[in-house]
Amino acid sequence: NRSYIWESCVVYTLKTSMRIQDTCTDGTTISKNKAFNEWLLKMGNGTLPAQNRQDENDPTWIEIPEKHCVMLKTDHTSDIISHTYPDFRLKWNTESYLKERAILTPLNDTAEELNHQIFKQVPGEEKSYKSCDEICKASQDTNDVEIGYPTEFLNTLTFPGMPPHVLTLKEGIPVLMLRNINPGLGLCNGTRLLHQELPNPKDFTL
């Protein structure tokens, strides 16, 4: 590209993974985190040695060191939750405790299962809020179209990036924002908030 604007451009290279930065000051923890961070970066860069499996011509499998794994016992979901959130029943409403922890899953169904189990451990009254349960009429000529989309069917639909039909809340419970509402105020996709008071579903703290 021979555009004249290139002479005014400056190229910056991102070399530090901010996702694996840690503010811990404990020497032992820092050493463990550093080793894990280095292994994680090697995996992302594709420099870890791969292994052959099932008569493969080219190695495509990476062995995860046992020290980086959670040794599951009986209930896999409960083991992962207790490992990530130790003493959850005592610290569930502590902001510093919550912001240092998260569980990532490849499937939304798994995330829903984990959220449901953790939610049951939070004390207090719960209240459910339901989404809109009828289709939007684009014109007056589509009055009969809602016959093909009954309420029961609409309530079963779950879309990526959208919450389920029923949102159940408790006071003090953390929630994750899934849409950019007001970026200037920090209300962006991925923002974590704390629900403050029932029955108001809009009372949150950043």
Protein backbone atom coordinates (compact mmCIF):
# COMPACT_ATOMS: atom_id res chain seq x y z
CA ASN A 1 0.00 0.00 0.00
CA ARG A 2 1.52 3.33 -1.09
CA SER A 3 -0.83 5.61 0.81
CA TYR A 4 0.80 8.84 1.95
CA ILE A 5 -0.53 8.41 5.49
CA TRP A 6 1.91 5.59 6.27
CA GLU A 7 4.65 8.14 6.92
CA SER A 8 2.60 9.42 9.88
CA CYS A 9 1.86 5.99 11.35
CA VAL A 10 3.66 4.39 14.28
CA VAL A 11 3.61 0.61 14.74
CA TYR A 12 3.35 -0.75 18.29
CA THR A 13 3.94 -4.43 19.03
CA LEU A 14 2.10 -6.12 21.90
CA LYS A 15 4.56 -8.46 23.60
CA THR A 16 3.11 -8.94 27.08
CA SER A 17 0.05 -11.09 27.75
CA MET A 18 -2.01 -9.01 30.18
CA ARG A 19 -4.36 -11.94 30.76
CA ILE A 20 -1.71 -13.82 32.72
CA GLN A 21 -0.41 -10.93 34.81
CA ASP A 22 -0.58 -11.47 38.56
CA THR A 23 -0.42 -8.98 41.43
CA CYS A 24 0.44 -11.59 44.06
CA THR A 25 3.48 -10.78 46.22
CA ASP A 26 4.04 -14.24 47.76
CA GLY A 27 7.35 -15.68 46.53
CA THR A 28 6.18 -19.28 46.19
CA THR A 29 2.99 -18.29 44.39
CA ILE A 30 4.89 -15.96 42.05
CA SER A 31 7.28 -18.79 41.13
CA LYS A 32 4.41 -21.20 40.40
CA ASN A 33 2.51 -18.61 38.40
CA LYS A 34 5.61 -17.71 36.40
CA ALA A 35 6.16 -21.36 35.44
CA PHE A 36 2.51 -21.73 34.43
CA ASN A 37 2.56 -18.46 32.48
CA GLU A 38 5.65 -19.54 30.55
CA TRP A 39 4.04 -22.90 29.73
CA LEU A 40 0.84 -21.15 28.66
CA LEU A 41 2.71 -18.80 26.34
CA LYS A 42 4.61 -21.70 24.78
CA MET A 43 1.34 -23.48 24.11
CA GLY A 44 -0.11 -20.36 22.52
CA ASN A 45 2.99 -19.89 20.38
CA GLY A 46 2.97 -23.53 19.29
CA THR A 47 6.44 -24.27 20.66
CA LEU A 48 5.49 -27.08 23.06
CA PRO A 49 6.47 -30.60 21.95
CA ALA A 50 3.52 -32.51 20.51
CA GLN A 51 2.80 -36.24 20.66
CA ASN A 52 1.35 -38.78 18.24
CA ARG A 53 -1.91 -40.49 19.07
CA GLN A 54 -3.92 -43.18 17.28
CA ASP A 55 -1.49 -43.79 14.39
CA GLU A 56 -1.28 -40.13 13.40
CA ASN A 57 1.32 -39.17 10.84
CA ASP A 58 1.97 -35.81 12.47
CA PRO A 59 1.93 -35.15 16.22
CA THR A 60 -1.06 -33.02 17.24
CA TRP A 61 -1.51 -33.77 20.95
CA ILE A 62 -0.07 -31.72 23.83
CA GLU A 63 0.31 -33.28 27.27
CA ILE A 64 -0.79 -30.99 30.10
CA PRO A 65 1.51 -31.37 33.14
CA GLU A 66 -0.22 -32.91 36.14
CA LYS A 67 0.66 -29.88 38.30
CA HIS A 68 -1.53 -27.72 36.06
CA CYS A 69 -4.53 -30.04 36.37
CA VAL A 70 -7.29 -30.34 38.95
CA MET A 71 -7.44 -33.92 40.20
CA LEU A 72 -11.14 -34.75 40.07
CA LYS A 73 -12.66 -37.27 42.46
CA THR A 74 -16.36 -38.05 42.06
CA ASP A 75 -18.45 -35.03 41.07
CA HIS A 76 -16.38 -33.23 38.42
CA THR A 77 -18.44 -30.04 38.53
CA SER A 78 -18.29 -29.73 42.32
CA ASP A 79 -14.55 -30.47 42.35
CA ILE A 80 -13.83 -27.69 39.85
CA ILE A 81 -15.99 -25.22 41.78
CA SER A 82 -14.41 -26.04 45.16
CA HIS A 83 -10.91 -25.81 43.66
CA THR A 84 -11.55 -22.43 42.02
CA TYR A 85 -13.70 -20.98 44.80
CA PRO A 86 -12.47 -22.37 48.14
CA ASP A 87 -14.57 -21.28 51.14
CA PHE A 88 -17.19 -19.94 48.75
CA ARG A 89 -20.00 -19.99 51.32
CA LEU A 90 -17.98 -17.63 53.54
CA LYS A 91 -16.59 -15.31 50.86
CA TRP A 92 -19.24 -15.32 48.13
CA ASN A 93 -19.95 -11.57 48.58
CA THR A 94 -16.32 -10.43 48.90
CA GLU A 95 -15.36 -8.40 45.81
CA SER A 96 -11.60 -9.02 46.04
CA TYR A 97 -12.25 -12.77 46.33
CA LEU A 98 -14.57 -12.87 43.31
CA LYS A 99 -12.54 -10.69 40.95
CA GLU A 100 -9.49 -12.97 41.25
CA ARG A 101 -11.38 -16.07 40.08
CA ALA A 102 -13.19 -17.29 37.01
CA ILE A 103 -14.02 -20.60 35.32
CA LEU A 104 -13.80 -20.72 31.53
CA THR A 105 -15.71 -23.37 29.58
CA PRO A 106 -15.85 -24.18 25.85
CA LEU A 107 -19.62 -24.78 25.93
CA ASN A 108 -22.46 -22.54 27.12
CA ASP A 109 -24.27 -25.57 28.54
CA THR A 110 -21.32 -26.27 30.84
CA ALA A 111 -21.26 -22.65 31.98
CA GLU A 112 -24.98 -22.83 32.75
CA GLU A 113 -24.47 -25.98 34.83
CA LEU A 114 -21.64 -24.40 36.82
CA ASN A 115 -23.59 -21.18 37.36
CA HIS A 116 -26.59 -23.14 38.60
CA GLN A 117 -24.57 -25.10 41.15
CA ILE A 118 -22.75 -22.00 42.42
CA PHE A 119 -26.01 -20.04 42.58
CA LYS A 120 -27.55 -22.65 44.88
CA GLN A 121 -24.75 -22.06 47.40
CA VAL A 122 -25.53 -18.34 47.71
CA PRO A 123 -27.81 -17.64 50.69
CA GLY A 124 -30.85 -15.39 50.53
CA GLU A 125 -34.13 -14.95 48.70
CA GLU A 126 -34.19 -15.42 44.96
CA LYS A 127 -36.38 -13.75 42.37
CA SER A 128 -36.83 -14.70 38.71
CA TYR A 129 -37.29 -12.32 35.79
CA LYS A 130 -38.55 -13.49 32.41
CA SER A 131 -37.68 -12.15 28.99
CA CYS A 132 -40.18 -11.07 26.34
CA ASP A 133 -42.17 -14.11 25.25
CA GLU A 134 -43.76 -13.02 22.00
CA ILE A 135 -42.40 -12.23 18.55
CA CYS A 136 -42.11 -8.68 17.26
CA LYS A 137 -44.67 -7.89 14.59
CA ALA A 138 -42.90 -6.27 11.66
CA SER A 139 -46.16 -5.26 9.99
CA GLN A 140 -49.92 -5.60 10.34
CA ASP A 141 -49.86 -8.36 7.72
CA THR A 142 -48.10 -10.80 10.07
CA ASN A 143 -50.84 -11.30 12.66
CA ASP A 144 -51.00 -15.03 12.01
CA VAL A 145 -47.25 -15.63 12.18
CA GLU A 146 -47.26 -15.91 15.99
CA ILE A 147 -49.32 -19.08 15.64
CA GLY A 148 -46.13 -20.79 14.40
CA TYR A 149 -44.10 -19.45 17.33
CA PRO A 150 -45.96 -20.30 20.55
CA THR A 151 -44.75 -18.92 23.87
CA GLU A 152 -43.54 -22.35 25.01
CA PHE A 153 -41.26 -22.57 21.97
CA LEU A 154 -39.87 -19.04 22.35
CA ASN A 155 -39.00 -19.72 25.99
CA THR A 156 -36.72 -22.61 24.99
CA LEU A 157 -34.53 -20.54 22.65
CA THR A 158 -31.04 -19.65 23.83
CA PHE A 159 -28.73 -17.58 21.62
CA PRO A 160 -24.96 -17.00 21.93
CA GLY A 161 -24.25 -13.84 23.88
CA MET A 162 -27.80 -13.68 25.20
CA PRO A 163 -29.05 -14.70 28.67
CA PRO A 164 -31.59 -17.51 29.04
CA HIS A 165 -35.32 -16.83 29.12
CA VAL A 166 -35.42 -16.85 32.93
CA LEU A 167 -32.90 -14.72 34.87
CA THR A 168 -32.81 -15.59 38.57
CA LEU A 169 -31.10 -13.15 40.95
CA LYS A 170 -30.20 -12.86 44.62
CA GLU A 171 -28.98 -9.81 46.49
CA GLY A 172 -25.20 -9.42 46.25
CA ILE A 173 -24.76 -12.00 43.50
CA PRO A 174 -22.29 -11.18 40.69
CA VAL A 175 -23.55 -11.01 37.10
CA LEU A 176 -21.81 -10.59 33.74
CA MET A 177 -22.91 -7.99 31.21
CA LEU A 178 -23.34 -9.45 27.72
CA ARG A 179 -24.00 -6.26 25.71
CA ASN A 180 -22.36 -2.86 25.31
CA ILE A 181 -24.88 -0.51 26.96
CA ASN A 182 -22.76 2.55 27.74
CA PRO A 183 -19.01 2.13 27.12
CA GLY A 184 -18.34 5.64 28.45
CA LEU A 185 -19.60 4.58 31.88
CA GLY A 186 -17.87 1.21 31.74
CA LEU A 187 -21.06 -0.70 30.89
CA CYS A 188 -19.44 -2.94 28.28
CA ASN A 189 -19.60 -6.57 27.25
CA GLY A 190 -17.71 -8.61 29.83
CA THR A 191 -18.18 -6.16 32.72
CA ARG A 192 -18.87 -7.86 36.05
CA LEU A 193 -21.42 -6.27 38.37
CA LEU A 194 -22.95 -6.99 41.78
CA HIS A 195 -26.72 -7.05 42.13
CA GLN A 196 -27.67 -4.82 45.05
CA GLU A 197 -31.30 -5.06 45.98
CA LEU A 198 -34.42 -7.07 45.26
CA PRO A 199 -36.94 -6.71 43.71
CA ASN A 200 -35.27 -4.05 41.51
CA PRO A 201 -33.55 -5.94 38.66
CA LYS A 202 -31.63 -2.82 37.55
CA ASP A 203 -29.79 -1.99 40.79
CA PHE A 204 -26.16 -3.03 40.24
CA THR A 205 -22.71 -1.90 41.33
CA LEU A 206 -19.72 -1.98 38.98
